[in-house]
Every structure is written in structure tokens, then in C-alpha cells.
Amino acid sequence: MKKQYTNPEVFKPTLEDEKRVAAELAKLFSSKVAVKLSDGSHVQGEADKLKITK
């Protein structure tokens, strides 16, 4: 198994980045997705209609 190293000083994703990634995942899998963001909220739904819930 390959180890991944991330340096938080180099890249700090914002909530907007996380939401954008969730939308891209939904498009990629062309199905329903549910993603938990770092602030504890959830993004769920299908690619064309994502909703964010706490």
C-alpha cells in the first residue's frame, strides 16, 4: 500500500474547494453521492442537484 503525504502548510482546502470536489465526484460517478465536509456538514444528492445539510 502506497503512503500519501500531505503538507497542510502547502494546501489548505476551503469549504468551497470541498463542495466543488463533491460536485465533481457526483458528475464522475453519475450517481448519488454523500460527502462529509470538514465543518461537519454533508453534501448529498445527484450531480445536477446537490444539497448541503448540517
Protein backbone atom coordinates (compact mmCIF):
# COMPACT_ATOMS: atom_id res chain seq x y z
CA MET A 1 0.00 0.00 0.00
CA LYS A 2 1.39 3.37 -1.02
CA LYS A 3 1.65 6.02 1.67
CA GLN A 4 0.45 9.51 0.86
CA TYR A 5 1.97 12.53 2.46
CA THR A 6 0.30 15.89 2.55
CA ASN A 7 1.70 19.10 3.85
CA PRO A 8 -1.13 21.19 5.32
CA GLU A 9 1.03 24.30 5.03
CA VAL A 10 1.11 23.93 1.25
CA PHE A 11 -2.55 23.26 0.55
CA LYS A 12 -5.42 24.14 2.83
CA PRO A 13 -8.70 23.30 1.10
CA THR A 14 -11.55 25.69 1.80
CA LEU A 15 -15.17 24.64 2.13
CA GLU A 16 -15.73 25.91 -1.40
CA ASP A 17 -12.98 23.59 -2.63
CA GLU A 18 -14.61 20.67 -0.82
CA LYS A 19 -18.04 21.47 -2.29
CA ARG A 20 -16.54 21.70 -5.77
CA VAL A 21 -14.87 18.31 -5.31
CA ALA A 22 -18.17 16.80 -4.13
CA ALA A 23 -19.88 18.12 -7.27
CA GLU A 24 -17.11 16.71 -9.46
CA LEU A 25 -17.43 13.32 -7.75
CA ALA A 26 -21.16 13.30 -8.41
CA LYS A 27 -20.53 14.03 -12.10
CA LEU A 28 -17.76 11.46 -12.30
CA PHE A 29 -19.84 8.64 -10.88
CA SER A 30 -23.05 10.00 -12.45
CA SER A 31 -24.97 8.83 -9.43
CA LYS A 32 -25.88 9.88 -5.93
CA VAL A 33 -23.09 10.94 -3.62
CA ALA A 34 -22.84 11.85 0.05
CA VAL A 35 -19.74 13.68 1.21
CA LYS A 36 -18.98 14.90 4.72
CA LEU A 37 -17.19 18.25 4.71
CA SER A 38 -14.61 19.31 7.28
CA ASP A 39 -17.09 21.62 9.03
CA GLY A 40 -19.35 18.64 9.74
CA SER A 41 -21.95 19.41 7.09
CA HIS A 42 -22.92 16.93 4.41
CA VAL A 43 -23.23 17.34 0.67
CA GLN A 44 -25.58 14.84 -0.86
CA GLY A 45 -27.63 14.34 -3.95
CA GLU A 46 -27.13 13.79 -7.63
CA ALA A 47 -24.83 15.66 -9.97
CA ASP A 48 -27.46 18.14 -11.11
CA LYS A 49 -28.97 18.87 -7.71
CA LEU A 50 -26.64 18.76 -4.74
CA LYS A 51 -27.86 19.94 -1.36
CA ILE A 52 -25.85 20.80 1.70
CA THR A 53 -27.12 19.83 5.13
CA LYS A 54 -25.74 20.21 8.61
